[in-house]
mmCIF file of all heavy atoms, coordinates in Angstrom:
data_MODEL
# 
_entry.id   MODEL 
# 
loop_
_atom_site.group_PDB 
_atom_site.id 
_atom_site.type_symbol 
_atom_site.label_atom_id 
_atom_site.label_alt_id 
_atom_site.label_comp_id 
_atom_site.label_asym_id 
_atom_site.label_entity_id 
_atom_site.label_seq_id 
_atom_site.pdbx_PDB_ins_code 
_atom_site.Cartn_x 
_atom_site.Cartn_y 
_atom_site.Cartn_z 
_atom_site.occupancy 
_atom_site.B_iso_or_equiv 
_atom_site.pdbx_formal_charge 
_atom_site.auth_seq_id 
_atom_site.auth_comp_id 
_atom_site.auth_asym_id 
_atom_site.auth_atom_id 
_atom_site.pdbx_PDB_model_num 
ATOM 1   N N   . HIS A 1 1  ? -3.836  -37.718 -13.719 1.00 0.00 ? 1  HIS A N   1 
ATOM 2   C CA  . HIS A 1 1  ? -5.174  -37.157 -13.626 1.00 0.00 ? 1  HIS A CA  1 
ATOM 3   C C   . HIS A 1 1  ? -6.186  -38.032 -14.376 1.00 0.00 ? 1  HIS A C   1 
ATOM 4   O O   . HIS A 1 1  ? -7.277  -38.308 -13.871 1.00 0.00 ? 1  HIS A O   1 
ATOM 5   C CB  . HIS A 1 1  ? -5.184  -35.723 -14.157 1.00 0.00 ? 1  HIS A CB  1 
ATOM 6   C CG  . HIS A 1 1  ? -6.524  -35.080 -14.105 1.00 0.00 ? 1  HIS A CG  1 
ATOM 7   N ND1 . HIS A 1 1  ? -7.158  -34.797 -12.927 1.00 0.00 ? 1  HIS A ND1 1 
ATOM 8   C CD2 . HIS A 1 1  ? -7.362  -34.682 -15.097 1.00 0.00 ? 1  HIS A CD2 1 
ATOM 9   C CE1 . HIS A 1 1  ? -8.320  -34.248 -13.185 1.00 0.00 ? 1  HIS A CE1 1 
ATOM 10  N NE2 . HIS A 1 1  ? -8.471  -34.157 -14.508 1.00 0.00 ? 1  HIS A NE2 1 
ATOM 11  N N   . GLN A 1 2  ? -5.802  -38.489 -15.554 1.00 0.00 ? 2  GLN A N   1 
ATOM 12  C CA  . GLN A 1 2  ? -6.688  -39.363 -16.335 1.00 0.00 ? 2  GLN A CA  1 
ATOM 13  C C   . GLN A 1 2  ? -6.894  -40.712 -15.633 1.00 0.00 ? 2  GLN A C   1 
ATOM 14  O O   . GLN A 1 2  ? -8.000  -41.249 -15.595 1.00 0.00 ? 2  GLN A O   1 
ATOM 15  C CB  . GLN A 1 2  ? -6.114  -39.593 -17.738 1.00 0.00 ? 2  GLN A CB  1 
ATOM 16  C CG  . GLN A 1 2  ? -6.169  -38.373 -18.633 1.00 0.00 ? 2  GLN A CG  1 
ATOM 17  C CD  . GLN A 1 2  ? -5.418  -38.586 -19.941 1.00 0.00 ? 2  GLN A CD  1 
ATOM 18  O OE1 . GLN A 1 2  ? -4.626  -39.523 -20.076 1.00 0.00 ? 2  GLN A OE1 1 
ATOM 19  N NE2 . GLN A 1 2  ? -5.642  -37.685 -20.899 1.00 0.00 ? 2  GLN A NE2 1 
ATOM 20  N N   . LEU A 1 3  ? -5.827  -41.232 -15.058 1.00 0.00 ? 3  LEU A N   1 
ATOM 21  C CA  . LEU A 1 3  ? -5.918  -42.505 -14.328 1.00 0.00 ? 3  LEU A CA  1 
ATOM 22  C C   . LEU A 1 3  ? -6.815  -42.359 -13.095 1.00 0.00 ? 3  LEU A C   1 
ATOM 23  O O   . LEU A 1 3  ? -7.660  -43.218 -12.818 1.00 0.00 ? 3  LEU A O   1 
ATOM 24  C CB  . LEU A 1 3  ? -4.518  -42.974 -13.909 1.00 0.00 ? 3  LEU A CB  1 
ATOM 25  C CG  . LEU A 1 3  ? -4.430  -44.317 -13.194 1.00 0.00 ? 3  LEU A CG  1 
ATOM 26  C CD1 . LEU A 1 3  ? -4.894  -45.437 -14.118 1.00 0.00 ? 3  LEU A CD1 1 
ATOM 27  C CD2 . LEU A 1 3  ? -2.999  -44.577 -12.742 1.00 0.00 ? 3  LEU A CD2 1 
ATOM 28  N N   . ALA A 1 4  ? -6.669  -41.280 -12.367 1.00 0.00 ? 4  ALA A N   1 
ATOM 29  C CA  . ALA A 1 4  ? -7.502  -41.036 -11.181 1.00 0.00 ? 4  ALA A CA  1 
ATOM 30  C C   . ALA A 1 4  ? -8.960  -40.870 -11.589 1.00 0.00 ? 4  ALA A C   1 
ATOM 31  O O   . ALA A 1 4  ? -9.861  -41.369 -10.901 1.00 0.00 ? 4  ALA A O   1 
ATOM 32  C CB  . ALA A 1 4  ? -7.004  -39.799 -10.436 1.00 0.00 ? 4  ALA A CB  1 
ATOM 33  N N   . ARG A 1 5  ? -9.215  -40.178 -12.666 1.00 0.00 ? 5  ARG A N   1 
ATOM 34  C CA  . ARG A 1 5  ? -10.577 -39.976 -13.161 1.00 0.00 ? 5  ARG A CA  1 
ATOM 35  C C   . ARG A 1 5  ? -11.212 -41.313 -13.556 1.00 0.00 ? 5  ARG A C   1 
ATOM 36  O O   . ARG A 1 5  ? -12.371 -41.575 -13.253 1.00 0.00 ? 5  ARG A O   1 
ATOM 37  C CB  . ARG A 1 5  ? -10.520 -39.038 -14.354 1.00 0.00 ? 5  ARG A CB  1 
ATOM 38  C CG  . ARG A 1 5  ? -11.815 -38.456 -14.695 1.00 0.00 ? 5  ARG A CG  1 
ATOM 39  C CD  . ARG A 1 5  ? -11.582 -37.652 -15.930 1.00 0.00 ? 5  ARG A CD  1 
ATOM 40  N NE  . ARG A 1 5  ? -12.236 -36.396 -15.835 1.00 0.00 ? 5  ARG A NE  1 
ATOM 41  C CZ  . ARG A 1 5  ? -12.150 -35.479 -16.750 1.00 0.00 ? 5  ARG A CZ  1 
ATOM 42  N NH1 . ARG A 1 5  ? -11.379 -35.685 -17.788 1.00 0.00 ? 5  ARG A NH1 1 
ATOM 43  N NH2 . ARG A 1 5  ? -12.813 -34.376 -16.645 1.00 0.00 ? 5  ARG A NH2 1 
ATOM 44  N N   . ARG A 1 6  ? -10.432 -42.141 -14.234 1.00 0.00 ? 6  ARG A N   1 
ATOM 45  C CA  . ARG A 1 6  ? -10.934 -43.455 -14.640 1.00 0.00 ? 6  ARG A CA  1 
ATOM 46  C C   . ARG A 1 6  ? -11.172 -44.349 -13.415 1.00 0.00 ? 6  ARG A C   1 
ATOM 47  O O   . ARG A 1 6  ? -12.153 -45.082 -13.347 1.00 0.00 ? 6  ARG A O   1 
ATOM 48  C CB  . ARG A 1 6  ? -9.920  -44.121 -15.578 1.00 0.00 ? 6  ARG A CB  1 
ATOM 49  C CG  . ARG A 1 6  ? -10.508 -45.283 -16.349 1.00 0.00 ? 6  ARG A CG  1 
ATOM 50  C CD  . ARG A 1 6  ? -9.558  -45.833 -17.363 1.00 0.00 ? 6  ARG A CD  1 
ATOM 51  N NE  . ARG A 1 6  ? -8.497  -46.548 -16.669 1.00 0.00 ? 6  ARG A NE  1 
ATOM 52  C CZ  . ARG A 1 6  ? -7.272  -46.698 -17.134 1.00 0.00 ? 6  ARG A CZ  1 
ATOM 53  N NH1 . ARG A 1 6  ? -6.935  -46.197 -18.289 1.00 0.00 ? 6  ARG A NH1 1 
ATOM 54  N NH2 . ARG A 1 6  ? -6.370  -47.344 -16.439 1.00 0.00 ? 6  ARG A NH2 1 
ATOM 55  N N   . PHE A 1 7  ? -10.303 -44.250 -12.421 1.00 0.00 ? 7  PHE A N   1 
ATOM 56  C CA  . PHE A 1 7  ? -10.439 -45.059 -11.218 1.00 0.00 ? 7  PHE A CA  1 
ATOM 57  C C   . PHE A 1 7  ? -11.693 -44.659 -10.425 1.00 0.00 ? 7  PHE A C   1 
ATOM 58  O O   . PHE A 1 7  ? -12.431 -45.508 -9.945  1.00 0.00 ? 7  PHE A O   1 
ATOM 59  C CB  . PHE A 1 7  ? -9.189  -44.906 -10.346 1.00 0.00 ? 7  PHE A CB  1 
ATOM 60  C CG  . PHE A 1 7  ? -9.233  -45.715 -9.076  1.00 0.00 ? 7  PHE A CG  1 
ATOM 61  C CD1 . PHE A 1 7  ? -9.133  -47.100 -9.118  1.00 0.00 ? 7  PHE A CD1 1 
ATOM 62  C CD2 . PHE A 1 7  ? -9.387  -45.095 -7.839  1.00 0.00 ? 7  PHE A CD2 1 
ATOM 63  C CE1 . PHE A 1 7  ? -9.184  -47.849 -7.964  1.00 0.00 ? 7  PHE A CE1 1 
ATOM 64  C CE2 . PHE A 1 7  ? -9.441  -45.845 -6.686  1.00 0.00 ? 7  PHE A CE2 1 
ATOM 65  C CZ  . PHE A 1 7  ? -9.333  -47.220 -6.746  1.00 0.00 ? 7  PHE A CZ  1 
ATOM 66  N N   . THR A 1 8  ? -11.930 -43.363 -10.266 1.00 0.00 ? 8  THR A N   1 
ATOM 67  C CA  . THR A 1 8  ? -13.100 -42.917 -9.515  1.00 0.00 ? 8  THR A CA  1 
ATOM 68  C C   . THR A 1 8  ? -14.393 -43.191 -10.261 1.00 0.00 ? 8  THR A C   1 
ATOM 69  O O   . THR A 1 8  ? -15.444 -43.368 -9.637  1.00 0.00 ? 8  THR A O   1 
ATOM 70  C CB  . THR A 1 8  ? -13.024 -41.416 -9.183  1.00 0.00 ? 8  THR A CB  1 
ATOM 71  O OG1 . THR A 1 8  ? -12.895 -40.669 -10.386 1.00 0.00 ? 8  THR A OG1 1 
ATOM 72  C CG2 . THR A 1 8  ? -11.875 -41.133 -8.243  1.00 0.00 ? 8  THR A CG2 1 
ATOM 73  N N   . GLY A 1 9  ? -14.379 -43.286 -11.533 1.00 0.00 ? 9  GLY A N   1 
ATOM 74  C CA  . GLY A 1 9  ? -15.578 -43.565 -12.313 1.00 0.00 ? 9  GLY A CA  1 
ATOM 75  C C   . GLY A 1 9  ? -15.861 -45.050 -12.462 1.00 0.00 ? 9  GLY A C   1 
ATOM 76  O O   . GLY A 1 9  ? -16.971 -45.453 -12.826 1.00 0.00 ? 9  GLY A O   1 
ATOM 77  N N   . ASP A 1 10 ? -14.881 -45.891 -12.163 1.00 0.00 ? 10 ASP A N   1 
ATOM 78  C CA  . ASP A 1 10 ? -15.056 -47.337 -12.337 1.00 0.00 ? 10 ASP A CA  1 
ATOM 79  C C   . ASP A 1 10 ? -15.797 -47.919 -11.142 1.00 0.00 ? 10 ASP A C   1 
ATOM 80  O O   . ASP A 1 10 ? -15.403 -47.747 -10.004 1.00 0.00 ? 10 ASP A O   1 
ATOM 81  C CB  . ASP A 1 10 ? -13.672 -47.994 -12.468 1.00 0.00 ? 10 ASP A CB  1 
ATOM 82  C CG  . ASP A 1 10 ? -13.756 -49.457 -12.869 1.00 0.00 ? 10 ASP A CG  1 
ATOM 83  O OD1 . ASP A 1 10 ? -14.876 -49.932 -13.133 1.00 0.00 ? 10 ASP A OD1 1 
ATOM 84  O OD2 . ASP A 1 10 ? -12.696 -50.103 -12.915 1.00 0.00 ? 10 ASP A OD2 1 
ATOM 85  N N   . ARG A 1 11 ? -16.907 -48.626 -11.374 1.00 0.00 ? 11 ARG A N   1 
ATOM 86  C CA  . ARG A 1 11 ? -17.731 -49.204 -10.316 1.00 0.00 ? 11 ARG A CA  1 
ATOM 87  C C   . ARG A 1 11 ? -17.593 -50.726 -10.216 1.00 0.00 ? 11 ARG A C   1 
ATOM 88  O O   . ARG A 1 11 ? -18.283 -51.342 -9.430  1.00 0.00 ? 11 ARG A O   1 
ATOM 89  C CB  . ARG A 1 11 ? -19.208 -48.852 -10.539 1.00 0.00 ? 11 ARG A CB  1 
ATOM 90  C CG  . ARG A 1 11 ? -19.494 -47.379 -10.434 1.00 0.00 ? 11 ARG A CG  1 
ATOM 91  C CD  . ARG A 1 11 ? -19.383 -46.961 -8.991  1.00 0.00 ? 11 ARG A CD  1 
ATOM 92  N NE  . ARG A 1 11 ? -19.584 -45.539 -8.840  1.00 0.00 ? 11 ARG A NE  1 
ATOM 93  C CZ  . ARG A 1 11 ? -19.002 -44.816 -7.913  1.00 0.00 ? 11 ARG A CZ  1 
ATOM 94  N NH1 . ARG A 1 11 ? -18.185 -45.374 -7.060  1.00 0.00 ? 11 ARG A NH1 1 
ATOM 95  N NH2 . ARG A 1 11 ? -19.225 -43.543 -7.831  1.00 0.00 ? 11 ARG A NH2 1 
ATOM 96  N N   . GLN A 1 12 ? -16.730 -51.327 -10.964 1.00 0.00 ? 12 GLN A N   1 
ATOM 97  C CA  . GLN A 1 12 ? -16.535 -52.768 -10.876 1.00 0.00 ? 12 GLN A CA  1 
ATOM 98  C C   . GLN A 1 12 ? -15.862 -53.102 -9.550  1.00 0.00 ? 12 GLN A C   1 
ATOM 99  O O   . GLN A 1 12 ? -14.938 -52.442 -9.126  1.00 0.00 ? 12 GLN A O   1 
ATOM 100 C CB  . GLN A 1 12 ? -15.670 -53.281 -12.018 1.00 0.00 ? 12 GLN A CB  1 
ATOM 101 C CG  . GLN A 1 12 ? -16.349 -53.218 -13.362 1.00 0.00 ? 12 GLN A CG  1 
ATOM 102 C CD  . GLN A 1 12 ? -15.440 -53.743 -14.467 1.00 0.00 ? 12 GLN A CD  1 
ATOM 103 O OE1 . GLN A 1 12 ? -14.224 -53.657 -14.372 1.00 0.00 ? 12 GLN A OE1 1 
ATOM 104 N NE2 . GLN A 1 12 ? -16.058 -54.282 -15.506 1.00 0.00 ? 12 GLN A NE2 1 
ATOM 105 N N   . GLY A 1 13 ? -16.359 -54.132 -8.881  1.00 0.00 ? 13 GLY A N   1 
ATOM 106 C CA  . GLY A 1 13 ? -15.758 -54.585 -7.631  1.00 0.00 ? 13 GLY A CA  1 
ATOM 107 C C   . GLY A 1 13 ? -16.282 -53.896 -6.389  1.00 0.00 ? 13 GLY A C   1 
ATOM 108 O O   . GLY A 1 13 ? -15.866 -54.235 -5.278  1.00 0.00 ? 13 GLY A O   1 
ATOM 109 N N   . VAL A 1 14 ? -17.197 -52.927 -6.540  1.00 0.00 ? 14 VAL A N   1 
ATOM 110 C CA  . VAL A 1 14 ? -17.739 -52.229 -5.379  1.00 0.00 ? 14 VAL A CA  1 
ATOM 111 C C   . VAL A 1 14 ? -18.508 -53.209 -4.489  1.00 0.00 ? 14 VAL A C   1 
ATOM 112 O O   . VAL A 1 14 ? -18.382 -53.194 -3.268  1.00 0.00 ? 14 VAL A O   1 
ATOM 113 C CB  . VAL A 1 14 ? -18.642 -51.049 -5.815  1.00 0.00 ? 14 VAL A CB  1 
ATOM 114 C CG1 . VAL A 1 14 ? -19.383 -50.463 -4.626  1.00 0.00 ? 14 VAL A CG1 1 
ATOM 115 C CG2 . VAL A 1 14 ? -17.808 -49.983 -6.488  1.00 0.00 ? 14 VAL A CG2 1 
ATOM 116 N N   . GLY A 1 15 ? -19.290 -54.090 -5.095  1.00 0.00 ? 15 GLY A N   1 
ATOM 117 C CA  . GLY A 1 15 ? -20.041 -55.089 -4.329  1.00 0.00 ? 15 GLY A CA  1 
ATOM 118 C C   . GLY A 1 15 ? -19.119 -56.000 -3.540  1.00 0.00 ? 15 GLY A C   1 
ATOM 119 O O   . GLY A 1 15 ? -19.407 -56.358 -2.397  1.00 0.00 ? 15 GLY A O   1 
ATOM 120 N N   . ALA A 1 16 ? -18.001 -56.387 -4.146  1.00 0.00 ? 16 ALA A N   1 
ATOM 121 C CA  . ALA A 1 16 ? -17.051 -57.264 -3.451  1.00 0.00 ? 16 ALA A CA  1 
ATOM 122 C C   . ALA A 1 16 ? -16.419 -56.551 -2.258  1.00 0.00 ? 16 ALA A C   1 
ATOM 123 O O   . ALA A 1 16 ? -16.235 -57.157 -1.189  1.00 0.00 ? 16 ALA A O   1 
ATOM 124 C CB  . ALA A 1 16 ? -15.961 -57.724 -4.418  1.00 0.00 ? 16 ALA A CB  1 
ATOM 125 N N   . ILE A 1 17 ? -16.128 -55.281 -2.420  1.00 0.00 ? 17 ILE A N   1 
ATOM 126 C CA  . ILE A 1 17 ? -15.538 -54.516 -1.319  1.00 0.00 ? 17 ILE A CA  1 
ATOM 127 C C   . ILE A 1 17 ? -16.555 -54.346 -0.189  1.00 0.00 ? 17 ILE A C   1 
ATOM 128 O O   . ILE A 1 17 ? -16.231 -54.529 0.991   1.00 0.00 ? 17 ILE A O   1 
ATOM 129 C CB  . ILE A 1 17 ? -15.017 -53.156 -1.822  1.00 0.00 ? 17 ILE A CB  1 
ATOM 130 C CG1 . ILE A 1 17 ? -13.812 -53.380 -2.743  1.00 0.00 ? 17 ILE A CG1 1 
ATOM 131 C CG2 . ILE A 1 17 ? -14.649 -52.247 -0.654  1.00 0.00 ? 17 ILE A CG2 1 
ATOM 132 C CD1 . ILE A 1 17 ? -13.334 -52.150 -3.454  1.00 0.00 ? 17 ILE A CD1 1 
ATOM 133 N N   . GLU A 1 18 ? -17.797 -54.026 -0.549  1.00 0.00 ? 18 GLU A N   1 
ATOM 134 C CA  . GLU A 1 18 ? -18.840 -53.892 0.468   1.00 0.00 ? 18 GLU A CA  1 
ATOM 135 C C   . GLU A 1 18 ? -19.058 -55.219 1.205   1.00 0.00 ? 18 GLU A C   1 
ATOM 136 O O   . GLU A 1 18 ? -19.224 -55.244 2.420   1.00 0.00 ? 18 GLU A O   1 
ATOM 137 C CB  . GLU A 1 18 ? -20.148 -53.418 -0.160  1.00 0.00 ? 18 GLU A CB  1 
ATOM 138 C CG  . GLU A 1 18 ? -20.098 -51.980 -0.617  1.00 0.00 ? 18 GLU A CG  1 
ATOM 139 C CD  . GLU A 1 18 ? -21.334 -51.577 -1.407  1.00 0.00 ? 18 GLU A CD  1 
ATOM 140 O OE1 . GLU A 1 18 ? -22.139 -52.455 -1.785  1.00 0.00 ? 18 GLU A OE1 1 
ATOM 141 O OE2 . GLU A 1 18 ? -21.483 -50.367 -1.647  1.00 0.00 ? 18 GLU A OE2 1 
ATOM 142 N N   . PHE A 1 19 ? -19.057 -56.315 0.459   1.00 0.00 ? 19 PHE A N   1 
ATOM 143 C CA  . PHE A 1 19 ? -19.221 -57.623 1.077   1.00 0.00 ? 19 PHE A CA  1 
ATOM 144 C C   . PHE A 1 19 ? -18.053 -57.922 2.020   1.00 0.00 ? 19 PHE A C   1 
ATOM 145 O O   . PHE A 1 19 ? -18.264 -58.453 3.123   1.00 0.00 ? 19 PHE A O   1 
ATOM 146 C CB  . PHE A 1 19 ? -19.331 -58.712 0.003   1.00 0.00 ? 19 PHE A CB  1 
ATOM 147 C CG  . PHE A 1 19 ? -19.500 -60.081 0.568   1.00 0.00 ? 19 PHE A CG  1 
ATOM 148 C CD1 . PHE A 1 19 ? -20.715 -60.479 1.100   1.00 0.00 ? 19 PHE A CD1 1 
ATOM 149 C CD2 . PHE A 1 19 ? -18.448 -60.986 0.578   1.00 0.00 ? 19 PHE A CD2 1 
ATOM 150 C CE1 . PHE A 1 19 ? -20.886 -61.742 1.639   1.00 0.00 ? 19 PHE A CE1 1 
ATOM 151 C CE2 . PHE A 1 19 ? -18.601 -62.257 1.111   1.00 0.00 ? 19 PHE A CE2 1 
ATOM 152 C CZ  . PHE A 1 19 ? -19.827 -62.630 1.632   1.00 0.00 ? 19 PHE A CZ  1 
ATOM 153 N N   . ALA A 1 20 ? -16.845 -57.595 1.596   1.00 0.00 ? 20 ALA A N   1 
ATOM 154 C CA  . ALA A 1 20 ? -15.668 -57.837 2.444   1.00 0.00 ? 20 ALA A CA  1 
ATOM 155 C C   . ALA A 1 20 ? -15.742 -57.033 3.738   1.00 0.00 ? 20 ALA A C   1 
ATOM 156 O O   . ALA A 1 20 ? -15.277 -57.486 4.784   1.00 0.00 ? 20 ALA A O   1 
ATOM 157 C CB  . ALA A 1 20 ? -14.394 -57.495 1.677   1.00 0.00 ? 20 ALA A CB  1 
ATOM 158 N N   . ILE A 1 21 ? -16.356 -55.862 3.681   1.00 0.00 ? 21 ILE A N   1 
ATOM 159 C CA  . ILE A 1 21 ? -16.500 -55.052 4.886   1.00 0.00 ? 21 ILE A CA  1 
ATOM 160 C C   . ILE A 1 21 ? -17.596 -55.613 5.794   1.00 0.00 ? 21 ILE A C   1 
ATOM 161 O O   . ILE A 1 21 ? -17.445 -55.687 7.005   1.00 0.00 ? 21 ILE A O   1 
ATOM 162 C CB  . ILE A 1 21 ? -16.807 -53.582 4.514   1.00 0.00 ? 21 ILE A CB  1 
ATOM 163 C CG1 . ILE A 1 21 ? -15.576 -52.949 3.848   1.00 0.00 ? 21 ILE A CG1 1 
ATOM 164 C CG2 . ILE A 1 21 ? -17.217 -52.778 5.750   1.00 0.00 ? 21 ILE A CG2 1 
ATOM 165 C CD1 . ILE A 1 21 ? -15.835 -51.604 3.219   1.00 0.00 ? 21 ILE A CD1 1 
ATOM 166 N N   . LEU A 1 22 ? -18.703 -56.050 5.214   1.00 0.00 ? 22 LEU A N   1 
ATOM 167 C CA  . LEU A 1 22 ? -19.846 -56.518 5.994   1.00 0.00 ? 22 LEU A CA  1 
ATOM 168 C C   . LEU A 1 22 ? -19.743 -57.976 6.439   1.00 0.00 ? 22 LEU A C   1 
ATOM 169 O O   . LEU A 1 22 ? -20.378 -58.365 7.422   1.00 0.00 ? 22 LEU A O   1 
ATOM 170 C CB  . LEU A 1 22 ? -21.142 -56.332 5.204   1.00 0.00 ? 22 LEU A CB  1 
ATOM 171 C CG  . LEU A 1 22 ? -21.575 -54.883 4.982   1.00 0.00 ? 22 LEU A CG  1 
ATOM 172 C CD1 . LEU A 1 22 ? -22.802 -54.821 4.107   1.00 0.00 ? 22 LEU A CD1 1 
ATOM 173 C CD2 . LEU A 1 22 ? -21.825 -54.195 6.309   1.00 0.00 ? 22 LEU A CD2 1 
ATOM 174 N N   . PHE A 1 23 ? -18.981 -58.799 5.743   1.00 0.00 ? 23 PHE A N   1 
ATOM 175 C CA  . PHE A 1 23 ? -18.917 -60.223 6.044   1.00 0.00 ? 23 PHE A CA  1 
ATOM 176 C C   . PHE A 1 23 ? -18.535 -60.532 7.492   1.00 0.00 ? 23 PHE A C   1 
ATOM 177 O O   . PHE A 1 23 ? -19.209 -61.328 8.150   1.00 0.00 ? 23 PHE A O   1 
ATOM 178 C CB  . PHE A 1 23 ? -17.981 -60.941 5.062   1.00 0.00 ? 23 PHE A CB  1 
ATOM 179 C CG  . PHE A 1 23 ? -17.891 -62.409 5.298   1.00 0.00 ? 23 PHE A CG  1 
ATOM 180 C CD1 . PHE A 1 23 ? -18.958 -63.240 4.966   1.00 0.00 ? 23 PHE A CD1 1 
ATOM 181 C CD2 . PHE A 1 23 ? -16.758 -62.975 5.866   1.00 0.00 ? 23 PHE A CD2 1 
ATOM 182 C CE1 . PHE A 1 23 ? -18.881 -64.607 5.187   1.00 0.00 ? 23 PHE A CE1 1 
ATOM 183 C CE2 . PHE A 1 23 ? -16.683 -64.338 6.093   1.00 0.00 ? 23 PHE A CE2 1 
ATOM 184 C CZ  . PHE A 1 23 ? -17.749 -65.151 5.751   1.00 0.00 ? 23 PHE A CZ  1 
ATOM 185 N N   . PRO A 1 24 ? -17.486 -59.939 8.047   1.00 0.00 ? 24 PRO A N   1 
ATOM 186 C CA  . PRO A 1 24 ? -17.148 -60.252 9.453   1.00 0.00 ? 24 PRO A CA  1 
ATOM 187 C C   . PRO A 1 24 ? -18.271 -59.878 10.424  1.00 0.00 ? 24 PRO A C   1 
ATOM 188 O O   . PRO A 1 24 ? -18.520 -60.594 11.397  1.00 0.00 ? 24 PRO A O   1 
ATOM 189 C CB  . PRO A 1 24 ? -15.896 -59.415 9.727   1.00 0.00 ? 24 PRO A CB  1 
ATOM 190 C CG  . PRO A 1 24 ? -15.350 -59.065 8.397   1.00 0.00 ? 24 PRO A CG  1 
ATOM 191 C CD  . PRO A 1 24 ? -16.496 -59.055 7.443   1.00 0.00 ? 24 PRO A CD  1 
# 
């Protein structure tokens, strides 16, 4: 539960994921 909470609150790498989706 603590790990899931920390994962959902972490915003690092969101830009990279969005870029990976939009790049193609």
